[in-house]
Structures are given as C-alpha cells and as structure tokens.
Amino acid sequence: MIYITQLIFVKEGKEAVFHEFEDNVLPLIEKFNGKLLYRVRPDNPAYIVAEGEKPYEIHFVTFESESDLQAYMKDDGRLKFIHLKNDSVQSMLLVKGNKM
C-alpha cells in the first residue's frame, strides 16, 4: 500500500476549471485500487503555520501498489481531461510514503 499526499495550488480565477477536472478524474481512482481518503479545502483560520502560499486543496489518497498509481496516471479517461488540470493548476506538491 502506498500513500499519496498532494498539496494543490490553483491559479486564481481558475477554481471552476479545477473542479471540472476533479469531478471527472477523482471517480477513476477506485478503478485502479485506490481510495480518496481525504479531500480538504482549508480556509485561512485552519492554518496554524503557513510559510509561503497556502494550497487550495489537500488530497490524501492510497493505492494498493505503485503500478496501480502509474496505471491511474496513464489512464485515457483521466488524460482526456488533463488540459483542465494544466489550465487551472499553478503547482502541486506530491509526497509518497508508507504507513508506519
């Protein structure tokens, strides 16, 4: 089992485009033995410490294996919406890890 944490920074004014991307690709995660455990959109009071820009959303996802994650990333159903991600996401920080 692998765990993915994503901090997603969305371009100002492109939130609706980002939501359209997410609405189309997040349901595909389960097809690849994955689960979206948390999808958080924190507001300003939620931050105790924030050095630099704050992420628009934070995702915590699991996949059974690295190959499942790679299959999801390369899925044609996901890739047909990738232009929406490219148009709306300024940057993303992805952290992979294991349960301890």
C-alpha atoms as a PDB file:
ATOM      1  CA  MET A   1       0.000   0.000   0.000  1.00  0.00           C
ATOM      2  CA  ILE A   2       1.303   3.437  -0.864  1.00  0.00           C
ATOM      3  CA  TYR A   3       0.040   6.747   0.428  1.00  0.00           C
ATOM      4  CA  ILE A   4      -0.047   9.971  -1.559  1.00  0.00           C
ATOM      5  CA  THR A   5      -0.460  13.452  -0.114  1.00  0.00           C
ATOM      6  CA  GLN A   6      -0.973  16.272  -2.603  1.00  0.00           C
ATOM      7  CA  LEU A   7      -0.919  19.980  -1.874  1.00  0.00           C
ATOM      8  CA  ILE A   8      -2.589  21.630  -4.854  1.00  0.00           C
ATOM      9  CA  PHE A   9      -2.103  25.292  -5.716  1.00  0.00           C
ATOM     10  CA  VAL A  10      -4.765  26.566  -8.128  1.00  0.00           C
ATOM     11  CA  LYS A  11      -4.423  29.624 -10.340  1.00  0.00           C
ATOM     12  CA  GLU A  12      -6.556  32.495  -9.135  1.00  0.00           C
ATOM     13  CA  GLY A  13      -9.873  32.586 -11.005  1.00  0.00           C
ATOM     14  CA  LYS A  14      -9.475  29.008 -12.296  1.00  0.00           C
ATOM     15  CA  GLU A  15     -11.226  27.235  -9.445  1.00  0.00           C
ATOM     16  CA  ALA A  16     -14.228  26.172 -11.576  1.00  0.00           C
ATOM     17  CA  VAL A  17     -11.910  24.657 -14.198  1.00  0.00           C
ATOM     18  CA  PHE A  18     -10.082  22.764 -11.454  1.00  0.00           C
ATOM     19  CA  HIS A  19     -13.400  21.486 -10.039  1.00  0.00           C
ATOM     20  CA  GLU A  20     -14.382  20.224 -13.503  1.00  0.00           C
ATOM     21  CA  PHE A  21     -11.079  18.327 -13.737  1.00  0.00           C
ATOM     22  CA  GLU A  22     -11.546  16.817 -10.280  1.00  0.00           C
ATOM     23  CA  ASP A  23     -15.185  15.894 -10.913  1.00  0.00           C
ATOM     24  CA  ASN A  24     -14.081  13.839 -13.912  1.00  0.00           C
ATOM     25  CA  VAL A  25     -10.894  12.195 -12.649  1.00  0.00           C
ATOM     26  CA  LEU A  26     -11.383  11.526  -8.937  1.00  0.00           C
ATOM     27  CA  PRO A  27     -14.057   8.852  -9.532  1.00  0.00           C
ATOM     28  CA  LEU A  28     -11.498   6.914 -11.606  1.00  0.00           C
ATOM     29  CA  ILE A  29      -9.229   6.326  -8.597  1.00  0.00           C
ATOM     30  CA  GLU A  30     -11.214   3.311  -7.376  1.00  0.00           C
ATOM     31  CA  LYS A  31     -10.886   1.650 -10.808  1.00  0.00           C
ATOM     32  CA  PHE A  32      -7.144   1.395 -10.046  1.00  0.00           C
ATOM     33  CA  ASN A  33      -7.351   0.005  -6.494  1.00  0.00           C
ATOM     34  CA  GLY A  34      -7.145   3.454  -4.973  1.00  0.00           C
ATOM     35  CA  LYS A  35      -9.154   5.407  -2.433  1.00  0.00           C
ATOM     36  CA  LEU A  36      -9.504   9.103  -1.880  1.00  0.00           C
ATOM     37  CA  LEU A  37      -9.397   9.164   1.924  1.00  0.00           C
ATOM     38  CA  TYR A  38      -9.424  12.943   2.418  1.00  0.00           C
ATOM     39  CA  ARG A  39     -10.094  15.915   0.181  1.00  0.00           C
ATOM     40  CA  VAL A  40      -9.687  19.096   2.197  1.00  0.00           C
ATOM     41  CA  ARG A  41     -10.139  22.707   1.162  1.00  0.00           C
ATOM     42  CA  PRO A  42      -8.859  24.561   4.242  1.00  0.00           C
ATOM     43  CA  ASP A  43      -9.830  28.146   4.919  1.00  0.00           C
ATOM     44  CA  ASN A  44      -7.440  30.668   6.444  1.00  0.00           C
ATOM     45  CA  PRO A  45      -8.302  30.020  10.131  1.00  0.00           C
ATOM     46  CA  ALA A  46      -7.364  26.326   9.631  1.00  0.00           C
ATOM     47  CA  TYR A  47      -3.675  27.208   9.280  1.00  0.00           C
ATOM     48  CA  ILE A  48      -1.573  27.371  12.428  1.00  0.00           C
ATOM     49  CA  VAL A  49       1.654  27.889  10.452  1.00  0.00           C
ATOM     50  CA  ALA A  50       1.933  28.548   6.737  1.00  0.00           C
ATOM     51  CA  GLU A  51       5.238  29.605   5.276  1.00  0.00           C
ATOM     52  CA  GLY A  52       4.529  30.815   1.775  1.00  0.00           C
ATOM     53  CA  GLU A  53       1.453  30.270  -0.345  1.00  0.00           C
ATOM     54  CA  LYS A  54      -1.343  28.117   1.053  1.00  0.00           C
ATOM     55  CA  PRO A  55      -2.676  25.203  -1.001  1.00  0.00           C
ATOM     56  CA  TYR A  56      -6.193  25.432  -2.401  1.00  0.00           C
ATOM     57  CA  GLU A  57      -6.815  21.742  -1.721  1.00  0.00           C
ATOM     58  CA  ILE A  58      -5.098  18.875   0.059  1.00  0.00           C
ATOM     59  CA  HIS A  59      -5.695  15.275  -1.024  1.00  0.00           C
ATOM     60  CA  PHE A  60      -4.758  12.099   0.813  1.00  0.00           C
ATOM     61  CA  VAL A  61      -5.010   9.022  -1.428  1.00  0.00           C
ATOM     62  CA  THR A  62      -4.000   5.368  -1.178  1.00  0.00           C
ATOM     63  CA  PHE A  63      -3.199   2.856  -3.921  1.00  0.00           C
ATOM     64  CA  GLU A  64      -2.561  -0.847  -3.489  1.00  0.00           C
ATOM     65  CA  SER A  65       0.711  -0.548  -5.421  1.00  0.00           C
ATOM     66  CA  GLU A  66       2.965   1.769  -7.407  1.00  0.00           C
ATOM     67  CA  SER A  67       1.790   0.045 -10.596  1.00  0.00           C
ATOM     68  CA  ASP A  68      -1.839   0.906  -9.731  1.00  0.00           C
ATOM     69  CA  LEU A  69      -0.852   4.554  -9.265  1.00  0.00           C
ATOM     70  CA  GLN A  70       1.014   4.589 -12.588  1.00  0.00           C
ATOM     71  CA  ALA A  71      -1.946   2.962 -14.375  1.00  0.00           C
ATOM     72  CA  TYR A  72      -4.239   5.676 -12.976  1.00  0.00           C
ATOM     73  CA  MET A  73      -1.852   8.422 -14.088  1.00  0.00           C
ATOM     74  CA  LYS A  74      -1.733   6.994 -17.648  1.00  0.00           C
ATOM     75  CA  ASP A  75      -5.450   6.183 -17.952  1.00  0.00           C
ATOM     76  CA  ASP A  76      -7.037   7.523 -21.151  1.00  0.00           C
ATOM     77  CA  GLY A  77     -10.167   8.503 -19.230  1.00  0.00           C
ATOM     78  CA  ARG A  78      -8.027  10.708 -16.992  1.00  0.00           C
ATOM     79  CA  LEU A  79      -5.772  12.027 -19.735  1.00  0.00           C
ATOM     80  CA  LYS A  80      -8.676  13.361 -21.794  1.00  0.00           C
ATOM     81  CA  PHE A  81      -9.244  15.918 -19.010  1.00  0.00           C
ATOM     82  CA  ILE A  82      -5.582  16.725 -18.342  1.00  0.00           C
ATOM     83  CA  HIS A  83      -5.917  20.019 -20.245  1.00  0.00           C
ATOM     84  CA  LEU A  84      -8.229  21.227 -17.471  1.00  0.00           C
ATOM     85  CA  LYS A  85      -5.557  20.464 -14.887  1.00  0.00           C
ATOM     86  CA  ASN A  86      -2.890  22.184 -16.971  1.00  0.00           C
ATOM     87  CA  ASP A  87      -5.114  25.248 -17.329  1.00  0.00           C
ATOM     88  CA  SER A  88      -6.052  25.519 -13.664  1.00  0.00           C
ATOM     89  CA  VAL A  89      -3.199  24.212 -11.503  1.00  0.00           C
ATOM     90  CA  GLN A  90      -0.296  26.552 -10.794  1.00  0.00           C
ATOM     91  CA  SER A  91       1.743  23.899  -8.986  1.00  0.00           C
ATOM     92  CA  MET A  92       1.419  20.741  -6.957  1.00  0.00           C
ATOM     93  CA  LEU A  93       3.490  19.155  -4.223  1.00  0.00           C
ATOM     94  CA  LEU A  94       3.174  15.362  -4.129  1.00  0.00           C
ATOM     95  CA  VAL A  95       4.545  13.308  -1.253  1.00  0.00           C
ATOM     96  CA  LYS A  96       4.591   9.482  -1.433  1.00  0.00           C
ATOM     97  CA  GLY A  97       5.031   7.342   1.604  1.00  0.00           C
ATOM     98  CA  ASN A  98       4.214   4.187   3.531  1.00  0.00           C
ATOM     99  CA  LYS A  99       2.166   3.614   6.648  1.00  0.00           C
ATOM    100  CA  MET A 100       4.323   3.396   9.772  1.00  0.00           C
END
